[in-house]
Amino acid sequence: QVQLVEYGGGLVQPGGSLRLSCAASGIIFKITDMGWYRQAPGKQRELVAHITSGGSNNYADSVKGRFTISRDNAKNTVYLQMNSLRPEDTAIYYCNARRLSYPVYNAWGQGTQVTVSS
C-alpha cells in the first residue's frame, strides 16, 4: 500500500523559510517521479515543483528562484525548500508520487498547511 506522509508545514512570516518533507513507503521510490502541489482556499490544486526519478526538475513560474525540490533515494524522501515566502504561498501542500509505467500508481499525501502571515 502506497503511503505518503508530509512534514514541516506551519506559520511563517513573509520573507521567511520552511522546508517540507514527504516520506514515501509502499513504492519503488528511486524509479518514481515525485511532485509537490498546493491548493489555496477557493482555488484549484496546482503544481508547485516536480522531480523525475532521474533528478530533473521543473517549477511553477510563481516559485522559480525561491523554492527548491530535492530527493534522497536512500531515505525515500522528497523535500521542498521554500524561501522568501509570500502571503500568496499560503495553501495546503500535497506530496504526489506518480509512475505511468508498470508498476503504475498515482498517490497523494494528506497535505500539510503552510500559512504565510505577519
PDB file of N, CA and C in Angstrom:
ATOM      1  N   GLN A   1       0.843  -1.190   0.000  1.00  0.00           N
ATOM      2  CA  GLN A   1       0.000   0.000   0.000  1.00  0.00           C
ATOM      3  C   GLN A   1       0.879   1.241   0.000  1.00  0.00           C
ATOM      4  N   VAL A   2       0.577   2.156  -0.942  1.00  0.00           N
ATOM      5  CA  VAL A   2       1.349   3.380  -1.048  1.00  0.00           C
ATOM      6  C   VAL A   2       0.963   4.336   0.075  1.00  0.00           C
ATOM      7  N   GLN A   3       1.959   4.904   0.722  1.00  0.00           N
ATOM      8  CA  GLN A   3       1.696   5.885   1.771  1.00  0.00           C
ATOM      9  C   GLN A   3       2.698   7.028   1.641  1.00  0.00           C
ATOM     10  N   LEU A   4       2.168   8.246   1.647  1.00  0.00           N
ATOM     11  CA  LEU A   4       2.988   9.449   1.617  1.00  0.00           C
ATOM     12  C   LEU A   4       2.621  10.287   2.833  1.00  0.00           C
ATOM     13  N   VAL A   5       3.631  10.684   3.601  1.00  0.00           N
ATOM     14  CA  VAL A   5       3.388  11.467   4.808  1.00  0.00           C
ATOM     15  C   VAL A   5       4.222  12.735   4.735  1.00  0.00           C
ATOM     16  N   GLU A   6       3.529  13.874   4.771  1.00  0.00           N
ATOM     17  CA  GLU A   6       4.211  15.163   4.692  1.00  0.00           C
ATOM     18  C   GLU A   6       4.503  15.703   6.085  1.00  0.00           C
ATOM     19  N   TYR A   7       5.598  16.443   6.204  1.00  0.00           N
ATOM     20  CA  TYR A   7       6.006  17.095   7.446  1.00  0.00           C
ATOM     21  C   TYR A   7       6.499  18.500   7.121  1.00  0.00           C
ATOM     22  N   GLY A   8       6.445  19.366   8.121  1.00  0.00           N
ATOM     23  CA  GLY A   8       7.154  20.631   8.011  1.00  0.00           C
ATOM     24  C   GLY A   8       6.333  21.868   7.757  1.00  0.00           C
ATOM     25  N   GLY A   9       5.032  21.736   7.624  1.00  0.00           N
ATOM     26  CA  GLY A   9       4.216  22.916   7.435  1.00  0.00           C
ATOM     27  C   GLY A   9       4.133  23.739   8.707  1.00  0.00           C
ATOM     28  N   GLY A  10       3.544  24.932   8.580  1.00  0.00           N
ATOM     29  CA  GLY A  10       3.386  25.779   9.745  1.00  0.00           C
ATOM     30  C   GLY A  10       3.130  27.214   9.374  1.00  0.00           C
ATOM     31  N   LEU A  11       3.258  28.075  10.370  1.00  0.00           N
ATOM     32  CA  LEU A  11       3.059  29.509  10.204  1.00  0.00           C
ATOM     33  C   LEU A  11       4.417  30.193  10.126  1.00  0.00           C
ATOM     34  N   VAL A  12       4.575  31.038   9.122  1.00  0.00           N
ATOM     35  CA  VAL A  12       5.842  31.747   8.939  1.00  0.00           C
ATOM     36  C   VAL A  12       5.536  33.161   8.478  1.00  0.00           C
ATOM     37  N   GLN A  13       6.411  34.083   8.832  1.00  0.00           N
ATOM     38  CA  GLN A  13       6.230  35.465   8.408  1.00  0.00           C
ATOM     39  C   GLN A  13       6.680  35.645   6.956  1.00  0.00           C
ATOM     40  N   PRO A  14       6.148  36.634   6.281  1.00  0.00           N
ATOM     41  CA  PRO A  14       6.618  36.916   4.919  1.00  0.00           C
ATOM     42  C   PRO A  14       8.131  37.107   4.889  1.00  0.00           C
ATOM     43  N   GLY A  15       8.757  36.526   3.877  1.00  0.00           N
ATOM     44  CA  GLY A  15      10.201  36.557   3.767  1.00  0.00           C
ATOM     45  C   GLY A  15      10.897  35.405   4.448  1.00  0.00           C
ATOM     46  N   GLY A  16      10.157  34.628   5.214  1.00  0.00           N
ATOM     47  CA  GLY A  16      10.730  33.511   5.935  1.00  0.00           C
ATOM     48  C   GLY A  16      10.876  32.263   5.079  1.00  0.00           C
ATOM     49  N   SER A  17      11.326  31.188   5.732  1.00  0.00           N
ATOM     50  CA  SER A  17      11.597  29.925   5.044  1.00  0.00           C
ATOM     51  C   SER A  17      10.957  28.754   5.782  1.00  0.00           C
ATOM     52  N   LEU A  18      10.638  27.733   5.016  1.00  0.00           N
ATOM     53  CA  LEU A  18      10.172  26.456   5.556  1.00  0.00           C
ATOM     54  C   LEU A  18      10.720  25.354   4.673  1.00  0.00           C
ATOM     55  N   ARG A  19      10.897  24.175   5.257  1.00  0.00           N
ATOM     56  CA  ARG A  19      11.249  23.010   4.461  1.00  0.00           C
ATOM     57  C   ARG A  19      10.216  21.920   4.699  1.00  0.00           C
ATOM     58  N   LEU A  20       9.588  21.504   3.635  1.00  0.00           N
ATOM     59  CA  LEU A  20       8.633  20.403   3.697  1.00  0.00           C
ATOM     60  C   LEU A  20       9.342  19.104   3.347  1.00  0.00           C
ATOM     61  N   SER A  21       8.911  18.029   4.010  1.00  0.00           N
ATOM     62  CA  SER A  21       9.421  16.694   3.728  1.00  0.00           C
ATOM     63  C   SER A  21       8.241  15.776   3.432  1.00  0.00           C
ATOM     64  N   CYS A  22       8.485  14.798   2.594  1.00  0.00           N
ATOM     65  CA  CYS A  22       7.467  13.789   2.285  1.00  0.00           C
ATOM     66  C   CYS A  22       8.147  12.432   2.294  1.00  0.00           C
ATOM     67  N   ALA A  23       7.759  11.619   3.262  1.00  0.00           N
ATOM     68  CA  ALA A  23       8.317  10.272   3.380  1.00  0.00           C
ATOM     69  C   ALA A  23       7.390   9.283   2.687  1.00  0.00           C
ATOM     70  N   ALA A  24       7.953   8.477   1.796  1.00  0.00           N
ATOM     71  CA  ALA A  24       7.167   7.544   0.989  1.00  0.00           C
ATOM     72  C   ALA A  24       7.427   6.109   1.410  1.00  0.00           C
ATOM     73  N   SER A  25       6.383   5.308   1.341  1.00  0.00           N
ATOM     74  CA  SER A  25       6.509   3.874   1.564  1.00  0.00           C
ATOM     75  C   SER A  25       5.552   3.160   0.630  1.00  0.00           C
ATOM     76  N   GLY A  26       5.843   1.881   0.380  1.00  0.00           N
ATOM     77  CA  GLY A  26       4.970   1.095  -0.487  1.00  0.00           C
ATOM     78  C   GLY A  26       5.196   1.320  -1.962  1.00  0.00           C
ATOM     79  N   ILE A  27       6.248   2.067  -2.316  1.00  0.00           N
ATOM     80  CA  ILE A  27       6.579   2.292  -3.719  1.00  0.00           C
ATOM     81  C   ILE A  27       8.069   2.031  -3.924  1.00  0.00           C
ATOM     82  N   ILE A  28       8.444   1.893  -5.187  1.00  0.00           N
ATOM     83  CA  ILE A  28       9.867   1.810  -5.512  1.00  0.00           C
ATOM     84  C   ILE A  28      10.310   3.242  -5.747  1.00  0.00           C
ATOM     85  N   PHE A  29      10.758   3.869  -4.701  1.00  0.00           N
ATOM     86  CA  PHE A  29      10.933   5.317  -4.701  1.00  0.00           C
ATOM     87  C   PHE A  29      11.890   5.776  -5.787  1.00  0.00           C
ATOM     88  N   LYS A  30      12.982   5.056  -5.976  1.00  0.00           N
ATOM     89  CA  LYS A  30      14.032   5.548  -6.878  1.00  0.00           C
ATOM     90  C   LYS A  30      13.595   5.584  -8.334  1.00  0.00           C
ATOM     91  N   ILE A  31      12.505   4.905  -8.688  1.00  0.00           N
ATOM     92  CA  ILE A  31      12.027   4.925 -10.066  1.00  0.00           C
ATOM     93  C   ILE A  31      10.723   5.710 -10.196  1.00  0.00           C
ATOM     94  N   THR A  32      10.395   6.473  -9.183  1.00  0.00           N
ATOM     95  CA  THR A  32       9.124   7.197  -9.141  1.00  0.00           C
ATOM     96  C   THR A  32       9.346   8.693  -9.270  1.00  0.00           C
ATOM     97  N   ASP A  33       8.548   9.334 -10.124  1.00  0.00           N
ATOM     98  CA  ASP A  33       8.546  10.787 -10.209  1.00  0.00           C
ATOM     99  C   ASP A  33       7.764  11.350  -9.021  1.00  0.00           C
ATOM    100  N   MET A  34       8.288  12.412  -8.424  1.00  0.00           N
ATOM    101  CA  MET A  34       7.660  12.998  -7.232  1.00  0.00           C
ATOM    102  C   MET A  34       7.336  14.463  -7.483  1.00  0.00           C
ATOM    103  N   GLY A  35       6.273  14.919  -6.834  1.00  0.00           N
ATOM    104  CA  GLY A  35       5.887  16.312  -7.020  1.00  0.00           C
ATOM    105  C   GLY A  35       5.292  16.900  -5.761  1.00  0.00           C
ATOM    106  N   TRP A  36       5.323  18.220  -5.710  1.00  0.00           N
ATOM    107  CA  TRP A  36       4.629  18.983  -4.688  1.00  0.00           C
ATOM    108  C   TRP A  36       3.561  19.835  -5.384  1.00  0.00           C
ATOM    109  N   TYR A  37       2.367  19.763  -4.860  1.00  0.00           N
ATOM    110  CA  TYR A  37       1.250  20.570  -5.339  1.00  0.00           C
ATOM    111  C   TYR A  37       0.731  21.388  -4.161  1.00  0.00           C
ATOM    112  N   ARG A  38      -0.067  22.400  -4.483  1.00  0.00           N
ATOM    113  CA  ARG A  38      -0.697  23.163  -3.411  1.00  0.00           C
ATOM    114  C   ARG A  38      -2.100  23.576  -3.824  1.00  0.00           C
ATOM    115  N   GLN A  39      -2.923  23.796  -2.812  1.00  0.00           N
ATOM    116  CA  GLN A  39      -4.291  24.235  -3.056  1.00  0.00           C
ATOM    117  C   GLN A  39      -4.655  25.285  -2.028  1.00  0.00           C
ATOM    118  N   ALA A  40      -4.923  26.470  -2.520  1.00  0.00           N
ATOM    119  CA  ALA A  40      -5.361  27.563  -1.664  1.00  0.00           C
ATOM    120  C   ALA A  40      -6.891  27.570  -1.609  1.00  0.00           C
ATOM    121  N   PRO A  41      -7.484  28.167  -0.586  1.00  0.00           N
ATOM    122  CA  PRO A  41      -8.945  28.196  -0.470  1.00  0.00           C
ATOM    123  C   PRO A  41      -9.589  28.807  -1.708  1.00  0.00           C
ATOM    124  N   GLY A  42     -10.567  28.107  -2.258  1.00  0.00           N
ATOM    125  CA  GLY A  42     -11.291  28.594  -3.414  1.00  0.00           C
ATOM    126  C   GLY A  42     -10.564  28.465  -4.731  1.00  0.00           C
ATOM    127  N   LYS A  43      -9.393  27.818  -4.722  1.00  0.00           N
ATOM    128  CA  LYS A  43      -8.617  27.669  -5.948  1.00  0.00           C
ATOM    129  C   LYS A  43      -8.380  26.198  -6.254  1.00  0.00           C
ATOM    130  N   GLN A  44      -8.014  25.934  -7.513  1.00  0.00           N
ATOM    131  CA  GLN A  44      -7.701  24.569  -7.906  1.00  0.00           C
ATOM    132  C   GLN A  44      -6.309  24.184  -7.425  1.00  0.00           C
ATOM    133  N   ARG A  45      -6.129  22.892  -7.270  1.00  0.00           N
ATOM    134  CA  ARG A  45      -4.799  22.388  -6.921  1.00  0.00           C
ATOM    135  C   ARG A  45      -3.853  22.655  -8.095  1.00  0.00           C
ATOM    136  N   GLU A  46      -2.658  23.127  -7.788  1.00  0.00           N
ATOM    137  CA  GLU A  46      -1.694  23.456  -8.825  1.00  0.00           C
ATOM    138  C   GLU A  46      -0.332  22.834  -8.520  1.00  0.00           C
ATOM    139  N   LEU A  47       0.393  22.556  -9.589  1.00  0.00           N
ATOM    140  CA  LEU A  47       1.743  22.021  -9.448  1.00  0.00           C
ATOM    141  C   LEU A  47       2.667  23.123  -8.949  1.00  0.00           C
ATOM    142  N   VAL A  48       3.474  22.793  -7.952  1.00  0.00           N
ATOM    143  CA  VAL A  48       4.484  23.712  -7.439  1.00  0.00           C
ATOM    144  C   VAL A  48       5.858  23.334  -7.981  1.00  0.00           C
ATOM    145  N   ALA A  49       6.215  22.062  -7.828  1.00  0.00           N
ATOM    146  CA  ALA A  49       7.524  21.592  -8.265  1.00  0.00           C
ATOM    147  C   ALA A  49       7.454  20.097  -8.512  1.00  0.00           C
ATOM    148  N   HIS A  50       8.312  19.637  -9.414  1.00  0.00           N
ATOM    149  CA  HIS A  50       8.304  18.240  -9.814  1.00  0.00           C
ATOM    150  C   HIS A  50       9.739  17.783 -10.011  1.00  0.00           C
ATOM    151  N   ILE A  51      10.022  16.552  -9.608  1.00  0.00           N
ATOM    152  CA  ILE A  51      11.351  15.995  -9.822  1.00  0.00           C
ATOM    153  C   ILE A  51      11.197  14.572 -10.335  1.00  0.00           C
ATOM    154  N   THR A  52      11.888  14.281 -11.422  1.00  0.00           N
ATOM    155  CA  THR A  52      11.793  12.948 -12.004  1.00  0.00           C
ATOM    156  C   THR A  52      12.681  11.960 -11.247  1.00  0.00           C
ATOM    157  N   SER A  53      12.523  10.701 -11.583  1.00  0.00           N
ATOM    158  CA  SER A  53      13.371   9.678 -10.962  1.00  0.00           C
ATOM    159  C   SER A  53      14.846   9.910 -11.301  1.00  0.00           C
ATOM    160  N   GLY A  54      15.086  10.566 -12.426  1.00  0.00           N
ATOM    161  CA  GLY A  54      16.461  10.859 -12.829  1.00  0.00           C
ATOM    162  C   GLY A  54      17.014  12.140 -12.254  1.00  0.00           C
ATOM    163  N   GLY A  55      16.179  12.877 -11.526  1.00  0.00           N
ATOM    164  CA  GLY A  55      16.641  14.092 -10.868  1.00  0.00           C
ATOM    165  C   GLY A  55      16.365  15.388 -11.607  1.00  0.00           C
ATOM    166  N   SER A  56      15.724  15.324 -12.779  1.00  0.00           N
ATOM    167  CA  SER A  56      15.355  16.552 -13.478  1.00  0.00           C
ATOM    168  C   SER A  56      14.176  17.200 -12.776  1.00  0.00           C
ATOM    169  N   ASN A  57      14.192  18.534 -12.720  1.00  0.00           N
ATOM    170  CA  ASN A  57      13.101  19.190 -12.010  1.00  0.00           C
ATOM    171  C   ASN A  57      12.527  20.350 -12.808  1.00  0.00           C
ATOM    172  N   ASN A  58      11.317  20.715 -12.434  1.00  0.00           N
ATOM    173  CA  ASN A  58      10.697  21.892 -13.012  1.00  0.00           C
ATOM    174  C   ASN A  58       9.810  22.536 -11.952  1.00  0.00           C
ATOM    175  N   TYR A  59       9.533  23.818 -12.137  1.00  0.00           N
ATOM    176  CA  TYR A  59       8.834  24.616 -11.142  1.00  0.00           C
ATOM    177  C   TYR A  59       7.749  25.471 -11.771  1.00  0.00           C
ATOM    178  N   ALA A  60       6.741  25.776 -10.975  1.00  0.00           N
ATOM    179  CA  ALA A  60       5.772  26.784 -11.377  1.00  0.00           C
ATOM    180  C   ALA A  60       6.490  28.131 -11.462  1.00  0.00           C
ATOM    181  N   ASP A  61       6.069  28.958 -12.406  1.00  0.00           N
ATOM    182  CA  ASP A  61       6.719  30.263 -12.570  1.00  0.00           C
ATOM    183  C   ASP A  61       6.686  31.079 -11.279  1.00  0.00           C
ATOM    184  N   SER A  62       5.632  30.930 -10.523  1.00  0.00           N
ATOM    185  CA  SER A  62       5.453  31.747  -9.315  1.00  0.00           C
ATOM    186  C   SER A  62       6.449  31.423  -8.208  1.00  0.00           C
ATOM    187  N   VAL A  63       7.114  30.269  -8.295  1.00  0.00           N
ATOM    188  CA  VAL A  63       8.044  29.879  -7.226  1.00  0.00           C
ATOM    189  C   VAL A  63       9.484  29.753  -7.704  1.00  0.00           C
ATOM    190  N   LYS A  64       9.703  29.932  -9.000  1.00  0.00           N
ATOM    191  CA  LYS A  64      11.065  29.816  -9.519  1.00  0.00           C
ATOM    192  C   LYS A  64      12.003  30.791  -8.815  1.00  0.00           C
ATOM    193  N   GLY A  65      13.182  30.285  -8.443  1.00  0.00           N
ATOM    194  CA  GLY A  65      14.158  31.116  -7.754  1.00  0.00           C
ATOM    195  C   GLY A  65      13.941  31.207  -6.258  1.00  0.00           C
ATOM    196  N   ARG A  66      12.796  30.727  -5.784  1.00  0.00           N
ATOM    197  CA  ARG A  66      12.514  30.774  -4.335  1.00  0.00           C
ATOM    198  C   ARG A  66      12.411  29.384  -3.723  1.00  0.00           C
ATOM    199  N   PHE A  67      11.867  28.438  -4.470  1.00  0.00           N
ATOM    200  CA  PHE A  67      11.655  27.077  -3.974  1.00  0.00           C
ATOM    201  C   PHE A  67      12.636  26.131  -4.654  1.00  0.00           C
ATOM    202  N   THR A  68      13.023  25.087  -3.911  1.00  0.00           N
ATOM    203  CA  THR A  68      13.901  24.057  -4.463  1.00  0.00           C
ATOM    204  C   THR A  68      13.380  22.689  -4.063  1.00  0.00           C
ATOM    205  N   ILE A  69      13.182  21.831  -5.055  1.00  0.00           N
ATOM    206  CA  ILE A  69      12.772  20.462  -4.794  1.00  0.00           C
ATOM    207  C   ILE A  69      14.001  19.562  -4.881  1.00  0.00           C
ATOM    208  N   SER A  70      14.065  18.578  -3.982  1.00  0.00           N
ATOM    209  CA  SER A  70      15.175  17.634  -3.996  1.00  0.00           C
ATOM    210  C   SER A  70      14.669  16.294  -3.477  1.00  0.00           C
ATOM    211  N   ARG A  71      15.481  15.273  -3.691  1.00  0.00           N
ATOM    212  CA  ARG A  71      15.083  13.939  -3.234  1.00  0.00           C
ATOM    213  C   ARG A  71      16.282  13.203  -2.676  1.00  0.00           C
ATOM    214  N   ASP A  72      15.999  12.318  -1.721  1.00  0.00           N
ATOM    215  CA  ASP A  72      17.003  11.439  -1.139  1.00  0.00           C
ATOM    216  C   ASP A  72      16.490  10.018  -1.306  1.00  0.00           C
ATOM    217  N   ASN A  73      17.004   9.327  -2.307  1.00  0.00           N
ATOM    218  CA  ASN A  73      16.514   7.980  -2.591  1.00  0.00           C
ATOM    219  C   ASN A  73      16.843   6.994  -1.470  1.00  0.00           C
ATOM    220  N   ALA A  74      17.899   7.254  -0.732  1.00  0.00           N
ATOM    221  CA  ALA A  74      18.244   6.363   0.376  1.00  0.00           C
ATOM    222  C   ALA A  74      17.235   6.457   1.515  1.00  0.00           C
ATOM    223  N   LYS A  75      16.584   7.609   1.622  1.00  0.00           N
ATOM    224  CA  LYS A  75      15.606   7.825   2.692  1.00  0.00           C
ATOM    225  C   LYS A  75      14.169   7.792   2.191  1.00  0.00           C
ATOM    226  N   ASN A  76      13.983   7.527   0.893  1.00  0.00           N
ATOM    227  CA  ASN A  76      12.626   7.519   0.311  1.00  0.00           C
ATOM    228  C   ASN A  76      11.878   8.808   0.629  1.00  0.00           C
ATOM    229  N   THR A  77      12.585   9.919   0.507  1.00  0.00           N
ATOM    230  CA  THR A  77      12.015  11.201   0.924  1.00  0.00           C
ATOM    231  C   THR A  77      12.263  12.265  -0.148  1.00  0.00           C
ATOM    232  N   VAL A  78      11.246  13.087  -0.347  1.00  0.00           N
ATOM    233  CA  VAL A  78      11.367  14.253  -1.226  1.00  0.00           C
ATOM    234  C   VAL A  78      11.155  15.499  -0.373  1.00  0.00           C
ATOM    235  N   TYR A  79      11.890  16.546  -0.710  1.00  0.00           N
ATOM    236  CA  TYR A  79      11.867  17.784   0.070  1.00  0.00           C
ATOM    237  C   TYR A  79      11.429  18.961  -0.801  1.00  0.00           C
ATOM    238  N   LEU A  80      10.903  19.979  -0.137  1.00  0.00           N
ATOM    239  CA  LEU A  80      10.638  21.246  -0.796  1.00  0.00           C
ATOM    240  C   LEU A  80      11.151  22.348   0.120  1.00  0.00           C
ATOM    241  N   GLN A  81      12.263  22.961  -0.272  1.00  0.00           N
ATOM    242  CA  GLN A  81      12.803  24.096   0.465  1.00  0.00           C
ATOM    243  C   GLN A  81      12.142  25.358  -0.075  1.00  0.00           C
ATOM    244  N   MET A  82      11.487  26.086   0.809  1.00  0.00           N
ATOM    245  CA  MET A  82      10.745  27.279   0.413  1.00  0.00           C
ATOM    246  C   MET A  82      11.362  28.496   1.085  1.00  0.00           C
ATOM    247  N   ASN A  83      11.895  29.388   0.292  1.00  0.00           N
ATOM    248  CA  ASN A  83      12.500  30.617   0.794  1.00  0.00           C
ATOM    249  C   ASN A  83      11.727  31.827   0.298  1.00  0.00           C
ATOM    250  N   SER A  84      11.969  32.962   0.934  1.00  0.00           N
ATOM    251  CA  SER A  84      11.315  34.221   0.544  1.00  0.00           C
ATOM    252  C   SER A  84       9.809  34.033   0.404  1.00  0.00           C
ATOM    253  N   LEU A  85       9.223  33.429   1.396  1.00  0.00           N
ATOM    254  CA  LEU A  85       7.803  33.116   1.333  1.00  0.00           C
ATOM    255  C   LEU A  85       6.949  34.378   1.311  1.00  0.00           C
ATOM    256  N   ARG A  86       5.835  34.260   0.583  1.00  0.00           N
ATOM    257  CA  ARG A  86       4.904  35.367   0.407  1.00  0.00           C
ATOM    258  C   ARG A  86       3.524  34.951   0.910  1.00  0.00           C
ATOM    259  N   PRO A  87       2.684  35.903   1.255  1.00  0.00           N
ATOM    260  CA  PRO A  87       1.319  35.539   1.683  1.00  0.00           C
ATOM    261  C   PRO A  87       0.588  34.695   0.639  1.00  0.00           C
ATOM    262  N   GLU A  88       0.845  34.923  -0.625  1.00  0.00           N
ATOM    263  CA  GLU A  88       0.163  34.150  -1.672  1.00  0.00           C
ATOM    264  C   GLU A  88       0.657  32.707  -1.774  1.00  0.00           C
ATOM    265  N   ASP A  89       1.688  32.353  -1.020  1.00  0.00           N
ATOM    266  CA  ASP A  89       2.115  30.954  -0.944  1.00  0.00           C
ATOM    267  C   ASP A  89       1.279  30.160   0.064  1.00  0.00           C
ATOM    268  N   THR A  90       0.424  30.836   0.789  1.00  0.00           N
ATOM    269  CA  THR A  90      -0.427  30.166   1.771  1.00  0.00           C
ATOM    270  C   THR A  90      -1.337  29.162   1.082  1.00  0.00           C
ATOM    271  N   ALA A  91      -1.271  27.917   1.531  1.00  0.00           N
ATOM    272  CA  ALA A  91      -2.055  26.842   0.918  1.00  0.00           C
ATOM    273  C   ALA A  91      -1.805  25.552   1.689  1.00  0.00           C
ATOM    274  N   ILE A  92      -2.570  24.552   1.336  1.00  0.00           N
ATOM    275  CA  ILE A  92      -2.247  23.195   1.765  1.00  0.00           C
ATOM    276  C   ILE A  92      -1.331  22.603   0.697  1.00  0.00           C
ATOM    277  N   TYR A  93      -0.216  22.068   1.131  1.00  0.00           N
ATOM    278  CA  TYR A  93       0.763  21.494   0.215  1.00  0.00           C
ATOM    279  C   TYR A  93       0.673  19.973   0.261  1.00  0.00           C
ATOM    280  N   TYR A  94       0.594  19.384  -0.921  1.00  0.00           N
ATOM    281  CA  TYR A  94       0.428  17.944  -1.060  1.00  0.00           C
ATOM    282  C   TYR A  94       1.620  17.332  -1.787  1.00  0.00           C
ATOM    283  N   CYS A  95       2.028  16.183  -1.326  1.00  0.00           N
ATOM    284  CA  CYS A  95       3.054  15.393  -1.985  1.00  0.00           C
ATOM    285  C   CYS A  95       2.375  14.409  -2.944  1.00  0.00           C
ATOM    286  N   ASN A  96       2.993  14.194  -4.088  1.00  0.00           N
ATOM    287  CA  ASN A  96       2.458  13.269  -5.084  1.00  0.00           C
ATOM    288  C   ASN A  96       3.551  12.322  -5.573  1.00  0.00           C
ATOM    289  N   ALA A  97       3.169  11.064  -5.722  1.00  0.00           N
ATOM    290  CA  ALA A  97       4.053  10.052  -6.303  1.00  0.00           C
ATOM    291  C   ALA A  97       3.370   9.469  -7.525  1.00  0.00           C
ATOM    292  N   ARG A  98       4.057   9.504  -8.655  1.00  0.00           N
ATOM    293  CA  ARG A  98       3.398   9.078  -9.883  1.00  0.00           C
ATOM    294  C   ARG A  98       4.357   8.242 -10.734  1.00  0.00           C
ATOM    295  N   ARG A  99       3.775   7.163 -11.249  1.00  0.00           N
ATOM    296  CA  ARG A  99       4.519   6.338 -12.178  1.00  0.00           C
ATOM    297  C   ARG A  99       3.558   5.863 -13.241  1.00  0.00           C
ATOM    298  N   LEU A 100       3.883   6.091 -14.522  1.00  0.00           N
ATOM    299  CA  LEU A 100       2.958   5.823 -15.617  1.00  0.00           C
ATOM    300  C   LEU A 100       3.221   4.512 -16.318  1.00  0.00           C
ATOM    301  N   SER A 101       4.309   3.840 -15.945  1.00  0.00           N
ATOM    302  CA  SER A 101       4.553   2.504 -16.480  1.00  0.00           C
ATOM    303  C   SER A 101       4.620   1.537 -15.325  1.00  0.00           C
ATOM    304  N   TYR A 102       4.543   0.245 -15.632  1.00  0.00           N
ATOM    305  CA  TYR A 102       4.444  -0.754 -14.568  1.00  0.00           C
ATOM    306  C   TYR A 102       5.590  -0.663 -13.575  1.00  0.00           C
ATOM    307  N   PRO A 103       5.312  -0.681 -12.304  1.00  0.00           N
ATOM    308  CA  PRO A 103       4.009  -0.619 -11.644  1.00  0.00           C
ATOM    309  C   PRO A 103       3.443   0.793 -11.658  1.00  0.00           C
ATOM    310  N   VAL A 104       2.184   0.880 -12.027  1.00  0.00           N
ATOM    311  CA  VAL A 104       1.537   2.177 -12.179  1.00  0.00           C
ATOM    312  C   VAL A 104       0.911   2.608 -10.862  1.00  0.00           C
ATOM    313  N   TYR A 105       1.126   3.870 -10.500  1.00  0.00           N
ATOM    314  CA  TYR A 105       0.421   4.435  -9.357  1.00  0.00           C
ATOM    315  C   TYR A 105       0.423   5.948  -9.438  1.00  0.00           C
ATOM    316  N   ASN A 106      -0.510   6.535  -8.741  1.00  0.00           N
ATOM    317  CA  ASN A 106      -0.640   7.979  -8.627  1.00  0.00           C
ATOM    318  C   ASN A 106      -1.200   8.241  -7.231  1.00  0.00           C
ATOM    319  N   ALA A 107      -0.315   8.519  -6.296  1.00  0.00           N
ATOM    320  CA  ALA A 107      -0.689   8.597  -4.885  1.00  0.00           C
ATOM    321  C   ALA A 107      -0.474   9.994  -4.334  1.00  0.00           C
ATOM    322  N   TRP A 108      -1.293  10.327  -3.315  1.00  0.00           N
ATOM    323  CA  TRP A 108      -1.241  11.646  -2.676  1.00  0.00           C
ATOM    324  C   TRP A 108      -1.071  11.507  -1.174  1.00  0.00           C
ATOM    325  N   GLY A 109      -0.368  12.467  -0.617  1.00  0.00           N
ATOM    326  CA  GLY A 109      -0.302  12.568   0.828  1.00  0.00           C
ATOM    327  C   GLY A 109      -1.528  13.277   1.366  1.00  0.00           C
ATOM    328  N   GLN A 110      -1.584  13.403   2.686  1.00  0.00           N
ATOM    329  CA  GLN A 110      -2.757  14.007   3.325  1.00  0.00           C
ATOM    330  C   GLN A 110      -2.705  15.524   3.311  1.00  0.00           C
ATOM    331  N   GLY A 111      -1.557  16.087   3.010  1.00  0.00           N
ATOM    332  CA  GLY A 111      -1.410  17.536   2.937  1.00  0.00           C
ATOM    333  C   GLY A 111      -0.888  18.133   4.228  1.00  0.00           C
ATOM    334  N   THR A 112      -0.184  19.250   4.080  1.00  0.00           N
ATOM    335  CA  THR A 112       0.314  19.982   5.242  1.00  0.00           C
ATOM    336  C   THR A 112       0.073  21.472   5.001  1.00  0.00           C
ATOM    337  N   GLN A 113      -0.426  22.149   6.006  1.00  0.00           N
ATOM    338  CA  GLN A 113      -0.796  23.550   5.868  1.00  0.00           C
ATOM    339  C   GLN A 113       0.431  24.451   5.977  1.00  0.00           C
ATOM    340  N   VAL A 114       0.555  25.354   5.032  1.00  0.00           N
ATOM    341  CA  VAL A 114       1.571  26.412   5.092  1.00  0.00           C
ATOM    342  C   VAL A 114       0.839  27.746   5.105  1.00  0.00           C
ATOM    343  N   THR A 115       1.098  28.541   6.127  1.00  0.00           N
ATOM    344  CA  THR A 115       0.476  29.855   6.248  1.00  0.00           C
ATOM    345  C   THR A 115       1.563  30.907   6.355  1.00  0.00           C
ATOM    346  N   VAL A 116       1.512  31.868   5.448  1.00  0.00           N
ATOM    347  CA  VAL A 116       2.491  32.962   5.442  1.00  0.00           C
ATOM    348  C   VAL A 116       1.753  34.241   5.824  1.00  0.00           C
ATOM    349  N   SER A 117       2.053  34.722   7.012  1.00  0.00           N
ATOM    350  CA  SER A 117       1.320  35.876   7.527  1.00  0.00           C
ATOM    351  C   SER A 117       2.138  36.566   8.604  1.00  0.00           C
ATOM    352  N   SER A 118       1.961  37.877   8.687  1.00  0.00           N
ATOM    353  CA  SER A 118       2.619  38.626   9.747  1.00  0.00           C
ATOM    354  C   SER A 118       1.690  38.790  10.942  1.00  0.00           C
TER     355      SER A 118
END
